[in-house]
Amino acid sequence: MPISIPHLAPVLMLVASNVFMTLAWYGHLKFGSKPLWIVVIVSWGIAFFEYCLAVPANRIGHQVYSAAELKTMQEVITLIVFAVFSVTFLGEKLTMNHAVGFALIIAGAWFIFRGPL
């Protein structure tokens, strides 16, 4: 199967949208002394760019993927982006428990993309 724009664009756009969303949801944890109302407004502003990527990604992707496949793709991408973010930006460590949990979610994704049993 050749790779087409509707196959590839949603993946790339969802990766970019997840970077924005992860920053919006978790970036403020590094700035715990800032007032909550400020981080909510800043996070909301960052999340706007996530929506500008995620909504078109799903619209384009629905040409070739089902809604369940798009949602599954979104969740797997979210885990990968979050894992990288939590280690590099927040300085947290990933444990074997994280690896097992992520692997189980990825196994679930395999069933979604596999097709009917």
PDB file of N, CA and C in Angstrom:
ATOM      1  N   MET A   1       0.854  -1.180   0.000  1.00  0.00           N
ATOM      2  CA  MET A   1       0.000   0.000   0.000  1.00  0.00           C
ATOM      3  C   MET A   1       0.898   1.241   0.000  1.00  0.00           C
ATOM      4  N   PRO A   2       0.752   2.104  -0.982  1.00  0.00           N
ATOM      5  CA  PRO A   2       1.563   3.323  -1.025  1.00  0.00           C
ATOM      6  C   PRO A   2       1.130   4.310   0.064  1.00  0.00           C
ATOM      7  N   ILE A   3       2.095   5.060   0.546  1.00  0.00           N
ATOM      8  CA  ILE A   3       1.810   6.082   1.558  1.00  0.00           C
ATOM      9  C   ILE A   3       1.278   7.322   0.854  1.00  0.00           C
ATOM     10  N   SER A   4       0.111   7.780   1.307  1.00  0.00           N
ATOM     11  CA  SER A   4      -0.501   8.963   0.724  1.00  0.00           C
ATOM     12  C   SER A   4      -0.604  10.053   1.785  1.00  0.00           C
ATOM     13  N   ILE A   5      -0.948  11.244   1.332  1.00  0.00           N
ATOM     14  CA  ILE A   5      -1.132  12.373   2.259  1.00  0.00           C
ATOM     15  C   ILE A   5      -2.168  12.026   3.328  1.00  0.00           C
ATOM     16  N   PRO A   6      -3.336  11.462   2.965  1.00  0.00           N
ATOM     17  CA  PRO A   6      -4.303  11.128   4.014  1.00  0.00           C
ATOM     18  C   PRO A   6      -3.801  10.061   4.997  1.00  0.00           C
ATOM     19  N   HIS A   7      -2.831   9.252   4.599  1.00  0.00           N
ATOM     20  CA  HIS A   7      -2.254   8.271   5.512  1.00  0.00           C
ATOM     21  C   HIS A   7      -1.211   8.908   6.437  1.00  0.00           C
ATOM     22  N   LEU A   8      -0.371   9.766   5.902  1.00  0.00           N
ATOM     23  CA  LEU A   8       0.768  10.302   6.639  1.00  0.00           C
ATOM     24  C   LEU A   8       0.473  11.609   7.378  1.00  0.00           C
ATOM     25  N   ALA A   9      -0.265  12.508   6.760  1.00  0.00           N
ATOM     26  CA  ALA A   9      -0.518  13.827   7.364  1.00  0.00           C
ATOM     27  C   ALA A   9      -1.138  13.741   8.753  1.00  0.00           C
ATOM     28  N   PRO A  10      -2.136  12.890   8.960  1.00  0.00           N
ATOM     29  CA  PRO A  10      -2.719  12.834  10.314  1.00  0.00           C
ATOM     30  C   PRO A  10      -1.712  12.414  11.376  1.00  0.00           C
ATOM     31  N   VAL A  11      -0.833  11.496  11.033  1.00  0.00           N
ATOM     32  CA  VAL A  11       0.173  11.047  12.008  1.00  0.00           C
ATOM     33  C   VAL A  11       1.082  12.215  12.386  1.00  0.00           C
ATOM     34  N   LEU A  12       1.599  12.910  11.393  1.00  0.00           N
ATOM     35  CA  LEU A  12       2.503  14.032  11.660  1.00  0.00           C
ATOM     36  C   LEU A  12       1.796  15.159  12.393  1.00  0.00           C
ATOM     37  N   MET A  13       0.562  15.441  11.991  1.00  0.00           N
ATOM     38  CA  MET A  13      -0.194  16.515  12.642  1.00  0.00           C
ATOM     39  C   MET A  13      -0.557  16.139  14.081  1.00  0.00           C
ATOM     40  N   LEU A  14      -0.869  14.870  14.315  1.00  0.00           N
ATOM     41  CA  LEU A  14      -1.190  14.443  15.679  1.00  0.00           C
ATOM     42  C   LEU A  14       0.041  14.456  16.575  1.00  0.00           C
ATOM     43  N   VAL A  15       1.197  14.156  16.027  1.00  0.00           N
ATOM     44  CA  VAL A  15       2.431  14.278  16.813  1.00  0.00           C
ATOM     45  C   VAL A  15       2.627  15.738  17.216  1.00  0.00           C
ATOM     46  N   ALA A  16       2.517  16.648  16.255  1.00  0.00           N
ATOM     47  CA  ALA A  16       2.701  18.074  16.556  1.00  0.00           C
ATOM     48  C   ALA A  16       1.635  18.570  17.537  1.00  0.00           C
ATOM     49  N   SER A  17       0.386  18.154  17.347  1.00  0.00           N
ATOM     50  CA  SER A  17      -0.674  18.611  18.255  1.00  0.00           C
ATOM     51  C   SER A  17      -0.440  18.095  19.662  1.00  0.00           C
ATOM     52  N   ASN A  18       0.093  16.888  19.783  1.00  0.00           N
ATOM     53  CA  ASN A  18       0.368  16.331  21.107  1.00  0.00           C
ATOM     54  C   ASN A  18       1.504  17.041  21.814  1.00  0.00           C
ATOM     55  N   VAL A  19       2.456  17.532  21.069  1.00  0.00           N
ATOM     56  CA  VAL A  19       3.520  18.322  21.691  1.00  0.00           C
ATOM     57  C   VAL A  19       2.901  19.564  22.340  1.00  0.00           C
ATOM     58  N   PHE A  20       2.025  20.242  21.605  1.00  0.00           N
ATOM     59  CA  PHE A  20       1.354  21.426  22.164  1.00  0.00           C
ATOM     60  C   PHE A  20       0.495  21.051  23.372  1.00  0.00           C
ATOM     61  N   MET A  21      -0.279  19.983  23.252  1.00  0.00           N
ATOM     62  CA  MET A  21      -1.197  19.626  24.339  1.00  0.00           C
ATOM     63  C   MET A  21      -0.440  19.178  25.581  1.00  0.00           C
ATOM     64  N   THR A  22       0.617  18.423  25.398  1.00  0.00           N
ATOM     65  CA  THR A  22       1.408  17.992  26.552  1.00  0.00           C
ATOM     66  C   THR A  22       2.033  19.200  27.243  1.00  0.00           C
ATOM     67  N   LEU A  23       2.516  20.140  26.458  1.00  0.00           N
ATOM     68  CA  LEU A  23       3.062  21.364  27.038  1.00  0.00           C
ATOM     69  C   LEU A  23       1.970  22.134  27.778  1.00  0.00           C
ATOM     70  N   ALA A  24       0.785  22.217  27.195  1.00  0.00           N
ATOM     71  CA  ALA A  24      -0.325  22.939  27.833  1.00  0.00           C
ATOM     72  C   ALA A  24      -0.754  22.266  29.137  1.00  0.00           C
ATOM     73  N   TRP A  25      -0.851  20.947  29.133  1.00  0.00           N
ATOM     74  CA  TRP A  25      -1.350  20.234  30.309  1.00  0.00           C
ATOM     75  C   TRP A  25      -0.314  20.057  31.402  1.00  0.00           C
ATOM     76  N   TYR A  26       0.953  19.854  31.020  1.00  0.00           N
ATOM     77  CA  TYR A  26       1.952  19.478  32.016  1.00  0.00           C
ATOM     78  C   TYR A  26       3.135  20.444  32.132  1.00  0.00           C
ATOM     79  N   GLY A  27       3.307  21.347  31.169  1.00  0.00           N
ATOM     80  CA  GLY A  27       4.435  22.268  31.200  1.00  0.00           C
ATOM     81  C   GLY A  27       4.455  23.160  32.418  1.00  0.00           C
ATOM     82  N   HIS A  28       3.293  23.527  32.905  1.00  0.00           N
ATOM     83  CA  HIS A  28       3.209  24.425  34.059  1.00  0.00           C
ATOM     84  C   HIS A  28       3.709  23.777  35.344  1.00  0.00           C
ATOM     85  N   LEU A  29       3.846  22.454  35.361  1.00  0.00           N
ATOM     86  CA  LEU A  29       4.320  21.786  36.573  1.00  0.00           C
ATOM     87  C   LEU A  29       5.731  22.216  36.951  1.00  0.00           C
ATOM     88  N   LYS A  30       6.470  22.682  35.973  1.00  0.00           N
ATOM     89  CA  LYS A  30       7.817  23.180  36.236  1.00  0.00           C
ATOM     90  C   LYS A  30       7.799  24.589  36.843  1.00  0.00           C
ATOM     91  N   PHE A  31       6.638  25.215  36.813  1.00  0.00           N
ATOM     92  CA  PHE A  31       6.507  26.590  37.295  1.00  0.00           C
ATOM     93  C   PHE A  31       5.446  26.653  38.397  1.00  0.00           C
ATOM     94  N   GLY A  32       5.626  25.823  39.417  1.00  0.00           N
ATOM     95  CA  GLY A  32       4.636  25.692  40.487  1.00  0.00           C
ATOM     96  C   GLY A  32       4.362  26.950  41.280  1.00  0.00           C
ATOM     97  N   SER A  33       5.242  27.934  41.203  1.00  0.00           N
ATOM     98  CA  SER A  33       5.027  29.156  41.975  1.00  0.00           C
ATOM     99  C   SER A  33       4.130  30.164  41.249  1.00  0.00           C
ATOM    100  N   LYS A  34       3.869  29.932  39.986  1.00  0.00           N
ATOM    101  CA  LYS A  34       3.013  30.851  39.234  1.00  0.00           C
ATOM    102  C   LYS A  34       1.557  30.673  39.655  1.00  0.00           C
ATOM    103  N   PRO A  35       0.789  31.761  39.703  1.00  0.00           N
ATOM    104  CA  PRO A  35      -0.626  31.644  40.074  1.00  0.00           C
ATOM    105  C   PRO A  35      -1.388  30.740  39.097  1.00  0.00           C
ATOM    106  N   LEU A  36      -2.298  29.964  39.657  1.00  0.00           N
ATOM    107  CA  LEU A  36      -3.048  29.005  38.855  1.00  0.00           C
ATOM    108  C   LEU A  36      -3.815  29.677  37.719  1.00  0.00           C
ATOM    109  N   TRP A  37      -4.401  30.843  37.967  1.00  0.00           N
ATOM    110  CA  TRP A  37      -5.194  31.492  36.925  1.00  0.00           C
ATOM    111  C   TRP A  37      -4.325  31.864  35.722  1.00  0.00           C
ATOM    112  N   ILE A  38      -3.055  32.189  35.970  1.00  0.00           N
ATOM    113  CA  ILE A  38      -2.152  32.526  34.864  1.00  0.00           C
ATOM    114  C   ILE A  38      -1.823  31.278  34.050  1.00  0.00           C
ATOM    115  N   VAL A  39      -1.500  30.182  34.738  1.00  0.00           N
ATOM    116  CA  VAL A  39      -1.150  28.973  33.982  1.00  0.00           C
ATOM    117  C   VAL A  39      -2.349  28.414  33.239  1.00  0.00           C
ATOM    118  N   VAL A  40      -3.550  28.606  33.760  1.00  0.00           N
ATOM    119  CA  VAL A  40      -4.749  28.166  33.035  1.00  0.00           C
ATOM    120  C   VAL A  40      -4.896  28.959  31.737  1.00  0.00           C
ATOM    121  N   ILE A  41      -4.728  30.257  31.802  1.00  0.00           N
ATOM    122  CA  ILE A  41      -4.862  31.092  30.597  1.00  0.00           C
ATOM    123  C   ILE A  41      -3.759  30.782  29.591  1.00  0.00           C
ATOM    124  N   VAL A  42      -2.531  30.649  30.064  1.00  0.00           N
ATOM    125  CA  VAL A  42      -1.414  30.312  29.164  1.00  0.00           C
ATOM    126  C   VAL A  42      -1.638  28.933  28.547  1.00  0.00           C
ATOM    127  N   SER A  43      -2.055  27.975  29.365  1.00  0.00           N
ATOM    128  CA  SER A  43      -2.310  26.628  28.858  1.00  0.00           C
ATOM    129  C   SER A  43      -3.423  26.621  27.821  1.00  0.00           C
ATOM    130  N   TRP A  44      -4.441  27.404  28.058  1.00  0.00           N
ATOM    131  CA  TRP A  44      -5.550  27.507  27.109  1.00  0.00           C
ATOM    132  C   TRP A  44      -5.055  28.067  25.773  1.00  0.00           C
ATOM    133  N   GLY A  45      -4.192  29.063  25.839  1.00  0.00           N
ATOM    134  CA  GLY A  45      -3.615  29.631  24.620  1.00  0.00           C
ATOM    135  C   GLY A  45      -2.776  28.624  23.847  1.00  0.00           C
ATOM    136  N   ILE A  46      -1.994  27.819  24.572  1.00  0.00           N
ATOM    137  CA  ILE A  46      -1.182  26.781  23.928  1.00  0.00           C
ATOM    138  C   ILE A  46      -2.087  25.720  23.313  1.00  0.00           C
ATOM    139  N   ALA A  47      -3.145  25.361  24.033  1.00  0.00           N
ATOM    140  CA  ALA A  47      -4.063  24.322  23.556  1.00  0.00           C
ATOM    141  C   ALA A  47      -4.768  24.728  22.262  1.00  0.00           C
ATOM    142  N   PHE A  48      -4.928  26.016  22.035  1.00  0.00           N
ATOM    143  CA  PHE A  48      -5.537  26.476  20.781  1.00  0.00           C
ATOM    144  C   PHE A  48      -4.783  25.918  19.579  1.00  0.00           C
ATOM    145  N   PHE A  49      -3.456  25.927  19.657  1.00  0.00           N
ATOM    146  CA  PHE A  49      -2.652  25.423  18.540  1.00  0.00           C
ATOM    147  C   PHE A  49      -2.794  23.906  18.396  1.00  0.00           C
ATOM    148  N   GLU A  50      -3.006  23.227  19.516  1.00  0.00           N
ATOM    149  CA  GLU A  50      -3.263  21.784  19.464  1.00  0.00           C
ATOM    150  C   GLU A  50      -4.534  21.517  18.663  1.00  0.00           C
ATOM    151  N   TYR A  51      -5.574  22.275  18.924  1.00  0.00           N
ATOM    152  CA  TYR A  51      -6.834  22.097  18.205  1.00  0.00           C
ATOM    153  C   TYR A  51      -6.687  22.437  16.724  1.00  0.00           C
ATOM    154  N   CYS A  52      -5.874  23.439  16.425  1.00  0.00           N
ATOM    155  CA  CYS A  52      -5.652  23.827  15.020  1.00  0.00           C
ATOM    156  C   CYS A  52      -4.969  22.707  14.229  1.00  0.00           C
ATOM    157  N   LEU A  53      -4.316  21.796  14.900  1.00  0.00           N
ATOM    158  CA  LEU A  53      -3.679  20.650  14.247  1.00  0.00           C
ATOM    159  C   LEU A  53      -4.521  19.382  14.364  1.00  0.00           C
ATOM    160  N   ALA A  54      -5.100  19.127  15.543  1.00  0.00           N
ATOM    161  CA  ALA A  54      -5.817  17.873  15.780  1.00  0.00           C
ATOM    162  C   ALA A  54      -7.102  17.772  14.967  1.00  0.00           C
ATOM    163  N   VAL A  55      -7.858  18.850  14.884  1.00  0.00           N
ATOM    164  CA  VAL A  55      -9.132  18.796  14.157  1.00  0.00           C
ATOM    165  C   VAL A  55      -8.902  18.525  12.669  1.00  0.00           C
ATOM    166  N   PRO A  56      -8.013  19.255  11.992  1.00  0.00           N
ATOM    167  CA  PRO A  56      -7.758  18.920  10.581  1.00  0.00           C
ATOM    168  C   PRO A  56      -7.124  17.536  10.411  1.00  0.00           C
ATOM    169  N   ALA A  57      -6.291  17.126  11.364  1.00  0.00           N
ATOM    170  CA  ALA A  57      -5.678  15.792  11.276  1.00  0.00           C
ATOM    171  C   ALA A  57      -6.756  14.721  11.241  1.00  0.00           C
ATOM    172  N   ASN A  58      -7.756  14.859  12.085  1.00  0.00           N
ATOM    173  CA  ASN A  58      -8.845  13.886  12.110  1.00  0.00           C
ATOM    174  C   ASN A  58      -9.725  13.985  10.868  1.00  0.00           C
ATOM    175  N   ARG A  59      -9.930  15.176  10.381  1.00  0.00           N
ATOM    176  CA  ARG A  59     -10.737  15.349   9.164  1.00  0.00           C
ATOM    177  C   ARG A  59     -10.038  14.704   7.976  1.00  0.00           C
ATOM    178  N   ILE A  60      -8.740  14.978   7.828  1.00  0.00           N
ATOM    179  CA  ILE A  60      -7.959  14.398   6.722  1.00  0.00           C
ATOM    180  C   ILE A  60      -7.839  12.885   6.908  1.00  0.00           C
ATOM    181  N   GLY A  61      -7.525  12.468   8.114  1.00  0.00           N
ATOM    182  CA  GLY A  61      -7.312  11.054   8.385  1.00  0.00           C
ATOM    183  C   GLY A  61      -8.546  10.196   8.223  1.00  0.00           C
ATOM    184  N   HIS A  62      -9.721  10.785   8.426  1.00  0.00           N
ATOM    185  CA  HIS A  62     -10.961  10.000   8.316  1.00  0.00           C
ATOM    186  C   HIS A  62     -11.241   9.551   6.885  1.00  0.00           C
ATOM    187  N   GLN A  63     -10.484  10.077   5.936  1.00  0.00           N
ATOM    188  CA  GLN A  63     -10.597   9.597   4.551  1.00  0.00           C
ATOM    189  C   GLN A  63     -10.094   8.154   4.431  1.00  0.00           C
ATOM    190  N   VAL A  64      -9.132   7.777   5.285  1.00  0.00           N
ATOM    191  CA  VAL A  64      -8.506   6.457   5.167  1.00  0.00           C
ATOM    192  C   VAL A  64      -8.517   5.652   6.467  1.00  0.00           C
ATOM    193  N   TYR A  65      -8.792   6.290   7.597  1.00  0.00           N
ATOM    194  CA  TYR A  65      -8.830   5.610   8.884  1.00  0.00           C
ATOM    195  C   TYR A  65     -10.219   5.731   9.484  1.00  0.00           C
ATOM    196  N   SER A  66     -10.618   4.729  10.266  1.00  0.00           N
ATOM    197  CA  SER A  66     -11.880   4.839  11.003  1.00  0.00           C
ATOM    198  C   SER A  66     -11.668   5.772  12.195  1.00  0.00           C
ATOM    199  N   ALA A  67     -12.768   6.208  12.793  1.00  0.00           N
ATOM    200  CA  ALA A  67     -12.662   7.055  13.984  1.00  0.00           C
ATOM    201  C   ALA A  67     -11.942   6.310  15.108  1.00  0.00           C
ATOM    202  N   ALA A  68     -12.216   5.011  15.251  1.00  0.00           N
ATOM    203  CA  ALA A  68     -11.540   4.223  16.289  1.00  0.00           C
ATOM    204  C   ALA A  68     -10.041   4.145  16.028  1.00  0.00           C
ATOM    205  N   GLU A  69      -9.642   4.006  14.775  1.00  0.00           N
ATOM    206  CA  GLU A  69      -8.219   3.976  14.442  1.00  0.00           C
ATOM    207  C   GLU A  69      -7.562   5.319  14.723  1.00  0.00           C
ATOM    208  N   LEU A  70      -8.248   6.414  14.385  1.00  0.00           N
ATOM    209  CA  LEU A  70      -7.701   7.748  14.657  1.00  0.00           C
ATOM    210  C   LEU A  70      -7.538   7.980  16.154  1.00  0.00           C
ATOM    211  N   LYS A  71      -8.529   7.571  16.935  1.00  0.00           N
ATOM    212  CA  LYS A  71      -8.447   7.754  18.393  1.00  0.00           C
ATOM    213  C   LYS A  71      -7.329   6.903  18.976  1.00  0.00           C
ATOM    214  N   THR A  72      -7.194   5.689  18.487  1.00  0.00           N
ATOM    215  CA  THR A  72      -6.137   4.811  18.960  1.00  0.00           C
ATOM    216  C   THR A  72      -4.768   5.390  18.627  1.00  0.00           C
ATOM    217  N   MET A  73      -4.638   5.876  17.398  1.00  0.00           N
ATOM    218  CA  MET A  73      -3.393   6.515  16.977  1.00  0.00           C
ATOM    219  C   MET A  73      -3.071   7.692  17.904  1.00  0.00           C
ATOM    220  N   GLN A  74      -4.085   8.482  18.198  1.00  0.00           N
ATOM    221  CA  GLN A  74      -3.931   9.634  19.082  1.00  0.00           C
ATOM    222  C   GLN A  74      -3.402   9.202  20.450  1.00  0.00           C
ATOM    223  N   GLU A  75      -3.950   8.146  21.009  1.00  0.00           N
ATOM    224  CA  GLU A  75      -3.551   7.701  22.343  1.00  0.00           C
ATOM    225  C   GLU A  75      -2.120   7.176  22.364  1.00  0.00           C
ATOM    226  N   VAL A  76      -1.737   6.416  21.349  1.00  0.00           N
ATOM    227  CA  VAL A  76      -0.367   5.895  21.297  1.00  0.00           C
ATOM    228  C   VAL A  76       0.623   7.048  21.125  1.00  0.00           C
ATOM    229  N   ILE A  77       0.297   7.989  20.245  1.00  0.00           N
ATOM    230  CA  ILE A  77       1.157   9.156  20.046  1.00  0.00           C
ATOM    231  C   ILE A  77       1.256   9.955  21.347  1.00  0.00           C
ATOM    232  N   THR A  78       0.134  10.111  22.044  1.00  0.00           N
ATOM    233  CA  THR A  78       0.129  10.830  23.314  1.00  0.00           C
ATOM    234  C   THR A  78       1.088  10.189  24.311  1.00  0.00           C
ATOM    235  N   LEU A  79       1.059   8.881  24.407  1.00  0.00           N
ATOM    236  CA  LEU A  79       1.954   8.185  25.342  1.00  0.00           C
ATOM    237  C   LEU A  79       3.417   8.409  24.993  1.00  0.00           C
ATOM    238  N   ILE A  80       3.738   8.324  23.717  1.00  0.00           N
ATOM    239  CA  ILE A  80       5.127   8.498  23.287  1.00  0.00           C
ATOM    240  C   ILE A  80       5.593   9.925  23.565  1.00  0.00           C
ATOM    241  N   VAL A  81       4.778  10.895  23.168  1.00  0.00           N
ATOM    242  CA  VAL A  81       5.137  12.301  23.398  1.00  0.00           C
ATOM    243  C   VAL A  81       5.256  12.577  24.892  1.00  0.00           C
ATOM    244  N   PHE A  82       4.299  12.064  25.674  1.00  0.00           N
ATOM    245  CA  PHE A  82       4.345  12.296  27.119  1.00  0.00           C
ATOM    246  C   PHE A  82       5.577  11.657  27.744  1.00  0.00           C
ATOM    247  N   ALA A  83       5.918  10.451  27.336  1.00  0.00           N
ATOM    248  CA  ALA A  83       7.094   9.777  27.905  1.00  0.00           C
ATOM    249  C   ALA A  83       8.353  10.594  27.641  1.00  0.00           C
ATOM    250  N   VAL A  84       8.521  11.059  26.416  1.00  0.00           N
ATOM    251  CA  VAL A  84       9.693  11.879  26.081  1.00  0.00           C
ATOM    252  C   VAL A  84       9.670  13.181  26.877  1.00  0.00           C
ATOM    253  N   PHE A  85       8.516  13.820  26.945  1.00  0.00           N
ATOM    254  CA  PHE A  85       8.367  15.086  27.659  1.00  0.00           C
ATOM    255  C   PHE A  85       8.671  14.936  29.148  1.00  0.00           C
ATOM    256  N   SER A  86       8.111  13.897  29.770  1.00  0.00           N
ATOM    257  CA  SER A  86       8.296  13.753  31.215  1.00  0.00           C
ATOM    258  C   SER A  86       9.752  13.491  31.578  1.00  0.00           C
ATOM    259  N   VAL A  87      10.472  12.802  30.705  1.00  0.00           N
ATOM    260  CA  VAL A  87      11.891  12.536  30.975  1.00  0.00           C
ATOM    261  C   VAL A  87      12.736  13.770  30.680  1.00  0.00           C
ATOM    262  N   THR A  88      12.518  14.392  29.506  1.00  0.00           N
ATOM    263  CA  THR A  88      13.395  15.492  29.092  1.00  0.00           C
ATOM    264  C   THR A  88      13.045  16.824  29.746  1.00  0.00           C
ATOM    265  N   PHE A  89      11.785  17.155  29.869  1.00  0.00           N
ATOM    266  CA  PHE A  89      11.384  18.467  30.375  1.00  0.00           C
ATOM    267  C   PHE A  89      11.177  18.458  31.891  1.00  0.00           C
ATOM    268  N   LEU A  90      10.495  17.425  32.394  1.00  0.00           N
ATOM    269  CA  LEU A  90      10.200  17.378  33.823  1.00  0.00           C
ATOM    270  C   LEU A  90      11.265  16.645  34.632  1.00  0.00           C
ATOM    271  N   GLY A  91      12.155  15.923  33.941  1.00  0.00           N
ATOM    272  CA  GLY A  91      13.226  15.217  34.628  1.00  0.00           C
ATOM    273  C   GLY A  91      12.767  14.004  35.415  1.00  0.00           C
ATOM    274  N   GLU A  92      11.636  13.437  35.034  1.00  0.00           N
ATOM    275  CA  GLU A  92      11.138  12.251  35.724  1.00  0.00           C
ATOM    276  C   GLU A  92      11.699  10.994  35.078  1.00  0.00           C
ATOM    277  N   LYS A  93      11.705   9.917  35.828  1.00  0.00           N
ATOM    278  CA  LYS A  93      12.211   8.649  35.317  1.00  0.00           C
ATOM    279  C   LYS A  93      11.044   7.743  34.945  1.00  0.00           C
ATOM    280  N   LEU A  94      11.212   7.002  33.860  1.00  0.00           N
ATOM    281  CA  LEU A  94      10.225   5.993  33.498  1.00  0.00           C
ATOM    282  C   LEU A  94      10.654   4.677  34.127  1.00  0.00           C
ATOM    283  N   THR A  95       9.705   3.953  34.668  1.00  0.00           N
ATOM    284  CA  THR A  95       9.995   2.688  35.343  1.00  0.00           C
ATOM    285  C   THR A  95       9.502   1.512  34.508  1.00  0.00           C
ATOM    286  N   MET A  96       9.798   0.336  34.967  1.00  0.00           N
ATOM    287  CA  MET A  96       9.316  -0.866  34.297  1.00  0.00           C
ATOM    288  C   MET A  96       7.783  -0.905  34.324  1.00  0.00           C
ATOM    289  N   ASN A  97       7.169  -0.407  35.378  1.00  0.00           N
ATOM    290  CA  ASN A  97       5.703  -0.343  35.426  1.00  0.00           C
ATOM    291  C   ASN A  97       5.155   0.502  34.276  1.00  0.00           C
ATOM    292  N   HIS A  98       5.813   1.627  34.005  1.00  0.00           N
ATOM    293  CA  HIS A  98       5.395   2.461  32.871  1.00  0.00           C
ATOM    294  C   HIS A  98       5.520   1.678  31.572  1.00  0.00           C
ATOM    295  N   ALA A  99       6.654   1.002  31.399  1.00  0.00           N
ATOM    296  CA  ALA A  99       6.899   0.249  30.170  1.00  0.00           C
ATOM    297  C   ALA A  99       5.847  -0.839  29.966  1.00  0.00           C
ATOM    298  N   VAL A 100       5.508  -1.544  31.027  1.00  0.00           N
ATOM    299  CA  VAL A 100       4.496  -2.605  30.921  1.00  0.00           C
ATOM    300  C   VAL A 100       3.128  -2.002  30.599  1.00  0.00           C
ATOM    301  N   GLY A 101       2.774  -0.934  31.281  1.00  0.00           N
ATOM    302  CA  GLY A 101       1.488  -0.276  31.012  1.00  0.00           C
ATOM    303  C   GLY A 101       1.401   0.238  29.592  1.00  0.00           C
ATOM    304  N   PHE A 102       2.454   0.891  29.113  1.00  0.00           N
ATOM    305  CA  PHE A 102       2.465   1.395  27.743  1.00  0.00           C
ATOM    306  C   PHE A 102       2.391   0.239  26.752  1.00  0.00           C
ATOM    307  N   ALA A 103       3.091  -0.854  27.038  1.00  0.00           N
ATOM    308  CA  ALA A 103       3.070  -2.016  26.142  1.00  0.00           C
ATOM    309  C   ALA A 103       1.670  -2.608  26.039  1.00  0.00           C
ATOM    310  N   LEU A 104       0.948  -2.642  27.147  1.00  0.00           N
ATOM    311  CA  LEU A 104      -0.422  -3.156  27.110  1.00  0.00           C
ATOM    312  C   LEU A 104      -1.337  -2.260  26.271  1.00  0.00           C
ATOM    313  N   ILE A 105      -1.137  -0.956  26.375  1.00  0.00           N
ATOM    314  CA  ILE A 105      -1.927  -0.037  25.559  1.00  0.00           C
ATOM    315  C   ILE A 105      -1.589  -0.217  24.080  1.00  0.00           C
ATOM    316  N   ILE A 106      -0.316  -0.383  23.779  1.00  0.00           N
ATOM    317  CA  ILE A 106       0.097  -0.601  22.388  1.00  0.00           C
ATOM    318  C   ILE A 106      -0.445  -1.934  21.878  1.00  0.00           C
ATOM    319  N   ALA A 107      -0.506  -2.949  22.742  1.00  0.00           N
ATOM    320  CA  ALA A 107      -1.108  -4.222  22.340  1.00  0.00           C
ATOM    321  C   ALA A 107      -2.585  -4.025  21.993  1.00  0.00           C
ATOM    322  N   GLY A 108      -3.268  -3.195  22.764  1.00  0.00           N
ATOM    323  CA  GLY A 108      -4.663  -2.870  22.444  1.00  0.00           C
ATOM    324  C   GLY A 108      -4.775  -2.171  21.104  1.00  0.00           C
ATOM    325  N   ALA A 109      -3.837  -1.282  20.814  1.00  0.00           N
ATOM    326  CA  ALA A 109      -3.834  -0.581  19.524  1.00  0.00           C
ATOM    327  C   ALA A 109      -3.653  -1.575  18.382  1.00  0.00           C
ATOM    328  N   TRP A 110      -2.823  -2.577  18.585  1.00  0.00           N
ATOM    329  CA  TRP A 110      -2.605  -3.591  17.554  1.00  0.00           C
ATOM    330  C   TRP A 110      -3.925  -4.256  17.186  1.00  0.00           C
ATOM    331  N   PHE A 111      -4.768  -4.550  18.197  1.00  0.00           N
ATOM    332  CA  PHE A 111      -6.057  -5.179  17.915  1.00  0.00           C
ATOM    333  C   PHE A 111      -6.982  -4.251  17.127  1.00  0.00           C
ATOM    334  N   ILE A 112      -6.922  -2.967  17.410  1.00  0.00           N
ATOM    335  CA  ILE A 112      -7.763  -2.005  16.682  1.00  0.00           C
ATOM    336  C   ILE A 112      -7.385  -1.991  15.200  1.00  0.00           C
ATOM    337  N   PHE A 113      -6.083  -1.956  14.913  1.00  0.00           N
ATOM    338  CA  PHE A 113      -5.628  -1.861  13.528  1.00  0.00           C
ATOM    339  C   PHE A 113      -5.605  -3.210  12.817  1.00  0.00           C
ATOM    340  N   ARG A 114      -5.663  -4.280  13.541  1.00  0.00           N
ATOM    341  CA  ARG A 114      -5.590  -5.615  12.960  1.00  0.00           C
ATOM    342  C   ARG A 114      -6.808  -5.926  12.115  1.00  0.00           C
ATOM    343  N   GLY A 115      -7.952  -5.452  12.512  1.00  0.00           N
ATOM    344  CA  GLY A 115      -9.186  -5.791  11.812  1.00  0.00           C
ATOM    345  C   GLY A 115      -9.966  -6.835  12.583  1.00  0.00           C
ATOM    346  N   PRO A 116     -11.090  -7.253  12.043  1.00  0.00           N
ATOM    347  CA  PRO A 116     -11.957  -8.194  12.754  1.00  0.00           C
ATOM    348  C   PRO A 116     -11.255  -9.527  13.045  1.00  0.00           C
ATOM    349  N   LEU A 117     -11.565 -10.085  14.197  1.00  0.00           N
ATOM    350  CA  LEU A 117     -11.023 -11.401  14.562  1.00  0.00           C
ATOM    351  C   LEU A 117     -11.806 -12.488  13.860  1.00  0.00           C
TER     352      LEU A 117
END
